[in-house]
Amino acid sequence: KVSKQFAIDISKLTTIYMKTVGLLLITFVILLASLPLPTKAIRAGGSRSKRDGESCDESMIQICLDVVNSGLKISTECCKILKEQQPCLCDVTKTSKIKTDVLSSRLKSCGILNLRCGNN
């Protein structure tokens, strides 16, 4: 009787152990799949239109352009970003709702003068 009971308990423990390991493995795979892959390429929303092959940070530019478009005061952080990304501004404004002449007048408060992009 003791050996039969022991065999049944071992069998139950093995089943519980295998189910637990299976659930942990599935959880690990789901977590691994949800993490972004590391990359040294262009960030999401970036492009290669900036001078010397540097990438543009279009997502940050767009956030600042939304502030410009809203008519709110442009923060010093946005001014810094827009100055650093100035070679990219014309490319981003092509897909933006803001007109180039409005943008140019608002960027003067950041010390960015003479933004000329063509047809926007």
N, C-alpha and C. Protein backbone atom coordinates (compact mmCIF):
# COMPACT_ATOMS: atom_id res chain seq x y z
N LYS A 1 0.81 -1.20 0.00
CA LYS A 1 0.00 0.00 0.00
C LYS A 1 0.86 1.26 0.00
N VAL A 2 1.90 1.25 0.75
CA VAL A 2 2.74 2.44 0.85
C VAL A 2 3.39 2.74 -0.50
N SER A 3 3.86 1.76 -1.20
CA SER A 3 4.53 2.00 -2.47
C SER A 3 3.55 2.48 -3.54
N LYS A 4 2.29 1.99 -3.52
CA LYS A 4 1.28 2.47 -4.47
C LYS A 4 0.95 3.94 -4.19
N GLN A 5 0.77 4.29 -2.94
CA GLN A 5 0.46 5.67 -2.56
C GLN A 5 1.63 6.59 -2.93
N PHE A 6 2.84 6.12 -2.70
CA PHE A 6 4.03 6.91 -3.03
C PHE A 6 4.12 7.13 -4.54
N ALA A 7 3.81 6.12 -5.33
CA ALA A 7 3.86 6.22 -6.79
C ALA A 7 2.81 7.21 -7.28
N ILE A 8 1.62 7.20 -6.68
CA ILE A 8 0.56 8.13 -7.07
C ILE A 8 0.97 9.56 -6.73
N ASP A 9 1.55 9.77 -5.55
CA ASP A 9 1.98 11.12 -5.16
C ASP A 9 3.07 11.64 -6.08
N ILE A 10 4.01 10.78 -6.44
CA ILE A 10 5.09 11.18 -7.36
C ILE A 10 4.49 11.55 -8.71
N SER A 11 3.52 10.78 -9.16
CA SER A 11 2.88 11.04 -10.44
C SER A 11 2.18 12.39 -10.42
N LYS A 12 1.47 12.70 -9.35
CA LYS A 12 0.79 13.99 -9.23
C LYS A 12 1.79 15.14 -9.18
N LEU A 13 2.86 14.96 -8.43
CA LEU A 13 3.89 16.00 -8.34
C LEU A 13 4.55 16.26 -9.69
N THR A 14 4.80 15.18 -10.43
CA THR A 14 5.42 15.32 -11.74
C THR A 14 4.49 16.09 -12.68
N THR A 15 3.19 15.78 -12.64
CA THR A 15 2.23 16.47 -13.49
C THR A 15 2.17 17.96 -13.13
N ILE A 16 2.12 18.26 -11.85
CA ILE A 16 2.08 19.66 -11.40
C ILE A 16 3.36 20.38 -11.81
N TYR A 17 4.50 19.72 -11.64
CA TYR A 17 5.79 20.31 -12.01
C TYR A 17 5.84 20.61 -13.50
N MET A 18 5.41 19.68 -14.33
CA MET A 18 5.46 19.87 -15.78
C MET A 18 4.52 21.00 -16.22
N LYS A 19 3.34 21.08 -15.60
CA LYS A 19 2.41 22.17 -15.94
C LYS A 19 3.00 23.52 -15.55
N THR A 20 3.63 23.58 -14.39
CA THR A 20 4.25 24.82 -13.92
C THR A 20 5.38 25.26 -14.84
N VAL A 21 6.23 24.34 -15.21
CA VAL A 21 7.34 24.65 -16.11
C VAL A 21 6.79 25.11 -17.46
N GLY A 22 5.75 24.45 -17.94
CA GLY A 22 5.14 24.83 -19.21
C GLY A 22 4.59 26.25 -19.17
N LEU A 23 3.89 26.59 -18.09
CA LEU A 23 3.34 27.94 -17.94
C LEU A 23 4.44 28.99 -17.85
N LEU A 24 5.50 28.68 -17.12
CA LEU A 24 6.62 29.62 -17.02
C LEU A 24 7.28 29.82 -18.38
N LEU A 25 7.42 28.75 -19.14
CA LEU A 25 8.03 28.85 -20.46
C LEU A 25 7.15 29.70 -21.39
N ILE A 26 5.85 29.49 -21.35
CA ILE A 26 4.93 30.28 -22.18
C ILE A 26 4.99 31.75 -21.77
N THR A 27 5.01 32.02 -20.47
CA THR A 27 5.10 33.40 -19.98
C THR A 27 6.39 34.05 -20.45
N PHE A 28 7.50 33.33 -20.38
CA PHE A 28 8.79 33.85 -20.82
C PHE A 28 8.75 34.20 -22.31
N VAL A 29 8.19 33.32 -23.12
CA VAL A 29 8.13 33.56 -24.56
C VAL A 29 7.26 34.79 -24.86
N ILE A 30 6.14 34.93 -24.17
CA ILE A 30 5.26 36.09 -24.39
C ILE A 30 5.98 37.37 -24.00
N LEU A 31 6.66 37.38 -22.86
CA LEU A 31 7.40 38.57 -22.44
C LEU A 31 8.53 38.89 -23.40
N LEU A 32 9.23 37.87 -23.84
CA LEU A 32 10.33 38.09 -24.78
C LEU A 32 9.82 38.66 -26.10
N ALA A 33 8.68 38.16 -26.56
CA ALA A 33 8.11 38.65 -27.82
C ALA A 33 7.61 40.08 -27.70
N SER A 34 7.23 40.51 -26.50
CA SER A 34 6.69 41.86 -26.35
C SER A 34 7.76 42.93 -26.18
N LEU A 35 9.00 42.55 -25.94
CA LEU A 35 10.09 43.52 -25.78
C LEU A 35 10.55 44.00 -27.15
N PRO A 36 10.88 45.29 -27.28
CA PRO A 36 11.39 45.77 -28.56
C PRO A 36 12.80 45.26 -28.80
N LEU A 37 13.11 45.05 -30.06
CA LEU A 37 14.45 44.60 -30.41
C LEU A 37 15.42 45.77 -30.36
N PRO A 38 16.60 45.57 -29.80
CA PRO A 38 17.58 46.66 -29.79
C PRO A 38 18.10 46.92 -31.21
N THR A 39 18.27 48.19 -31.51
CA THR A 39 18.77 48.53 -32.83
C THR A 39 19.57 49.81 -32.77
N LYS A 40 20.53 49.91 -33.64
CA LYS A 40 21.30 51.14 -33.75
C LYS A 40 20.88 51.91 -35.00
N ALA A 41 19.86 51.43 -35.64
CA ALA A 41 19.37 52.07 -36.85
C ALA A 41 18.55 53.31 -36.47
N ILE A 42 17.83 53.81 -37.41
CA ILE A 42 17.01 55.01 -37.21
C ILE A 42 15.89 54.68 -36.24
N ARG A 43 15.64 55.58 -35.30
CA ARG A 43 14.51 55.41 -34.38
C ARG A 43 13.21 55.47 -35.14
N ALA A 44 12.17 54.91 -34.55
CA ALA A 44 10.84 54.97 -35.17
C ALA A 44 10.48 56.42 -35.40
N GLY A 45 10.01 56.70 -36.57
CA GLY A 45 9.66 58.08 -36.90
C GLY A 45 10.83 58.88 -37.43
N GLY A 46 12.00 58.26 -37.54
CA GLY A 46 13.17 58.97 -38.02
C GLY A 46 13.34 58.81 -39.51
N SER A 47 14.24 59.59 -40.05
CA SER A 47 14.58 59.46 -41.46
C SER A 47 16.05 59.80 -41.63
N ARG A 48 16.56 59.65 -42.83
CA ARG A 48 17.96 59.93 -43.08
C ARG A 48 18.15 61.21 -43.88
N SER A 49 17.25 62.16 -43.75
CA SER A 49 17.35 63.35 -44.59
C SER A 49 18.23 64.44 -44.00
N LYS A 50 18.71 64.29 -42.79
CA LYS A 50 19.56 65.31 -42.18
C LYS A 50 20.95 65.26 -42.81
N ARG A 51 21.64 66.35 -42.77
CA ARG A 51 22.95 66.43 -43.39
C ARG A 51 23.92 65.41 -42.80
N ASP A 52 24.91 65.02 -43.57
CA ASP A 52 25.96 64.10 -43.17
C ASP A 52 25.43 62.74 -42.71
N GLY A 53 24.28 62.33 -43.20
CA GLY A 53 23.76 61.00 -42.89
C GLY A 53 23.21 60.83 -41.49
N GLU A 54 23.20 61.89 -40.68
CA GLU A 54 22.61 61.78 -39.35
C GLU A 54 21.10 61.61 -39.52
N SER A 55 20.48 60.95 -38.56
CA SER A 55 19.04 60.75 -38.70
C SER A 55 18.26 61.88 -38.06
N CYS A 56 17.09 62.11 -38.62
CA CYS A 56 16.16 63.10 -38.07
C CYS A 56 15.29 62.42 -37.03
N ASP A 57 14.99 63.12 -35.98
CA ASP A 57 14.08 62.60 -34.96
C ASP A 57 12.71 63.22 -35.21
N GLU A 58 12.01 62.66 -36.19
CA GLU A 58 10.74 63.24 -36.62
C GLU A 58 9.68 63.23 -35.53
N SER A 59 9.72 62.24 -34.64
CA SER A 59 8.71 62.19 -33.58
C SER A 59 8.88 63.38 -32.63
N MET A 60 10.12 63.71 -32.27
CA MET A 60 10.35 64.86 -31.39
C MET A 60 10.04 66.16 -32.11
N ILE A 61 10.40 66.24 -33.38
CA ILE A 61 10.09 67.44 -34.16
C ILE A 61 8.58 67.64 -34.21
N GLN A 62 7.85 66.55 -34.45
CA GLN A 62 6.39 66.65 -34.57
C GLN A 62 5.75 67.12 -33.27
N ILE A 63 6.25 66.63 -32.14
CA ILE A 63 5.73 67.07 -30.84
C ILE A 63 5.90 68.58 -30.70
N CYS A 64 7.07 69.07 -31.05
CA CYS A 64 7.32 70.51 -30.95
C CYS A 64 6.51 71.29 -31.97
N LEU A 65 6.33 70.74 -33.17
CA LEU A 65 5.52 71.42 -34.18
C LEU A 65 4.06 71.50 -33.74
N ASP A 66 3.59 70.50 -33.01
CA ASP A 66 2.22 70.56 -32.48
C ASP A 66 2.07 71.73 -31.51
N VAL A 67 3.11 71.97 -30.71
CA VAL A 67 3.10 73.12 -29.79
C VAL A 67 3.10 74.42 -30.59
N VAL A 68 3.94 74.48 -31.62
CA VAL A 68 4.00 75.67 -32.48
C VAL A 68 2.64 75.92 -33.12
N ASN A 69 2.03 74.85 -33.62
CA ASN A 69 0.74 74.95 -34.30
C ASN A 69 -0.38 75.37 -33.35
N SER A 70 -0.27 75.00 -32.09
CA SER A 70 -1.31 75.33 -31.12
C SER A 70 -1.29 76.80 -30.72
N GLY A 71 -0.17 77.47 -30.97
CA GLY A 71 -0.06 78.87 -30.60
C GLY A 71 0.49 79.07 -29.19
N LEU A 72 0.77 77.97 -28.49
CA LEU A 72 1.35 78.08 -27.14
C LEU A 72 2.80 78.54 -27.23
N LYS A 73 3.32 79.02 -26.11
CA LYS A 73 4.72 79.43 -26.06
C LYS A 73 5.60 78.21 -26.26
N ILE A 74 6.61 78.36 -27.10
CA ILE A 74 7.52 77.25 -27.39
C ILE A 74 8.52 77.14 -26.25
N SER A 75 8.63 75.96 -25.67
CA SER A 75 9.53 75.75 -24.54
C SER A 75 10.98 75.81 -25.00
N THR A 76 11.87 76.05 -24.05
CA THR A 76 13.30 76.08 -24.38
C THR A 76 13.76 74.71 -24.86
N GLU A 77 13.16 73.64 -24.33
CA GLU A 77 13.52 72.29 -24.78
C GLU A 77 13.13 72.08 -26.24
N CYS A 78 11.93 72.53 -26.61
CA CYS A 78 11.50 72.42 -28.00
C CYS A 78 12.38 73.29 -28.90
N CYS A 79 12.71 74.47 -28.45
CA CYS A 79 13.60 75.33 -29.24
C CYS A 79 14.93 74.63 -29.48
N LYS A 80 15.46 74.00 -28.45
CA LYS A 80 16.73 73.27 -28.57
C LYS A 80 16.60 72.14 -29.60
N ILE A 81 15.51 71.37 -29.50
CA ILE A 81 15.28 70.27 -30.43
C ILE A 81 15.14 70.79 -31.85
N LEU A 82 14.37 71.84 -32.04
CA LEU A 82 14.13 72.38 -33.38
C LEU A 82 15.41 72.96 -33.98
N LYS A 83 16.25 73.57 -33.15
CA LYS A 83 17.53 74.08 -33.65
C LYS A 83 18.43 72.94 -34.09
N GLU A 84 18.50 71.88 -33.25
CA GLU A 84 19.35 70.73 -33.59
C GLU A 84 18.85 70.02 -34.85
N GLN A 85 17.54 69.99 -35.02
CA GLN A 85 16.93 69.26 -36.13
C GLN A 85 16.54 70.17 -37.29
N GLN A 86 17.06 71.38 -37.30
CA GLN A 86 16.67 72.37 -38.31
C GLN A 86 16.78 71.86 -39.75
N PRO A 87 17.83 71.09 -40.10
CA PRO A 87 17.89 70.59 -41.48
C PRO A 87 16.73 69.64 -41.83
N CYS A 88 16.06 69.13 -40.84
CA CYS A 88 14.96 68.19 -41.06
C CYS A 88 13.59 68.86 -41.08
N LEU A 89 13.51 70.10 -40.64
CA LEU A 89 12.21 70.76 -40.48
C LEU A 89 11.40 70.80 -41.77
N CYS A 90 12.03 71.10 -42.87
CA CYS A 90 11.29 71.20 -44.13
C CYS A 90 10.68 69.86 -44.53
N ASP A 91 11.42 68.76 -44.33
CA ASP A 91 10.89 67.44 -44.65
C ASP A 91 9.68 67.12 -43.78
N VAL A 92 9.76 67.44 -42.51
CA VAL A 92 8.67 67.13 -41.58
C VAL A 92 7.46 68.01 -41.88
N THR A 93 7.68 69.27 -42.23
CA THR A 93 6.55 70.16 -42.49
C THR A 93 5.78 69.77 -43.74
N LYS A 94 6.38 68.98 -44.61
CA LYS A 94 5.65 68.52 -45.80
C LYS A 94 4.46 67.65 -45.42
N THR A 95 4.57 66.93 -44.31
CA THR A 95 3.47 66.07 -43.86
C THR A 95 2.72 66.67 -42.68
N SER A 96 3.09 67.86 -42.28
CA SER A 96 2.47 68.51 -41.13
C SER A 96 1.33 69.42 -41.58
N LYS A 97 0.46 69.77 -40.63
CA LYS A 97 -0.68 70.64 -40.92
C LYS A 97 -0.29 72.11 -40.93
N ILE A 98 0.87 72.43 -40.40
CA ILE A 98 1.27 73.82 -40.25
C ILE A 98 1.88 74.35 -41.55
N LYS A 99 1.56 75.59 -41.87
CA LYS A 99 2.11 76.24 -43.06
C LYS A 99 3.52 76.73 -42.76
N THR A 100 4.36 76.71 -43.76
CA THR A 100 5.76 77.11 -43.59
C THR A 100 5.89 78.55 -43.14
N ASP A 101 5.06 79.46 -43.68
CA ASP A 101 5.18 80.86 -43.29
C ASP A 101 4.80 81.06 -41.81
N VAL A 102 3.78 80.33 -41.34
CA VAL A 102 3.40 80.40 -39.93
C VAL A 102 4.52 79.82 -39.07
N LEU A 103 5.05 78.70 -39.51
CA LEU A 103 6.15 78.07 -38.78
C LEU A 103 7.35 79.01 -38.70
N SER A 104 7.70 79.62 -39.82
CA SER A 104 8.84 80.54 -39.84
C SER A 104 8.68 81.68 -38.86
N SER A 105 7.49 82.27 -38.82
CA SER A 105 7.28 83.40 -37.91
C SER A 105 7.34 82.94 -36.45
N ARG A 106 6.83 81.75 -36.15
CA ARG A 106 6.85 81.25 -34.77
C ARG A 106 8.26 80.81 -34.35
N LEU A 107 9.05 80.32 -35.31
CA LEU A 107 10.40 79.85 -34.97
C LEU A 107 11.36 80.99 -34.67
N LYS A 108 10.99 82.20 -35.04
CA LYS A 108 11.84 83.35 -34.73
C LYS A 108 12.02 83.51 -33.23
N SER A 109 11.00 83.09 -32.45
CA SER A 109 11.12 83.17 -30.98
C SER A 109 12.17 82.19 -30.45
N CYS A 110 12.54 81.21 -31.27
CA CYS A 110 13.60 80.27 -30.90
C CYS A 110 14.95 80.68 -31.46
N GLY A 111 14.96 81.75 -32.22
CA GLY A 111 16.21 82.18 -32.84
C GLY A 111 16.49 81.48 -34.15
N ILE A 112 15.48 80.83 -34.72
CA ILE A 112 15.64 80.19 -36.01
C ILE A 112 15.05 81.13 -37.05
N LEU A 113 15.92 81.66 -37.88
CA LEU A 113 15.51 82.64 -38.89
C LEU A 113 15.57 82.04 -40.28
N ASN A 114 14.77 82.57 -41.17
CA ASN A 114 14.83 82.25 -42.59
C ASN A 114 14.65 80.77 -42.91
N LEU A 115 13.59 80.16 -42.41
CA LEU A 115 13.27 78.79 -42.79
C LEU A 115 12.58 78.84 -44.13
N ARG A 116 13.23 78.27 -45.13
CA ARG A 116 12.66 78.28 -46.48
C ARG A 116 12.55 76.84 -46.96
N CYS A 117 11.31 76.42 -47.18
CA CYS A 117 11.07 75.04 -47.55
C CYS A 117 10.43 74.87 -48.92
N GLY A 118 10.07 75.89 -49.56
CA GLY A 118 9.42 75.71 -50.87
C GLY A 118 7.92 75.88 -50.79
N ASN A 119 7.17 74.86 -51.13
CA ASN A 119 5.73 74.99 -51.33
C ASN A 119 4.85 74.78 -50.12
N ASN A 120 5.22 74.90 -48.94
CA ASN A 120 4.28 74.60 -47.86
C ASN A 120 3.68 75.85 -47.33
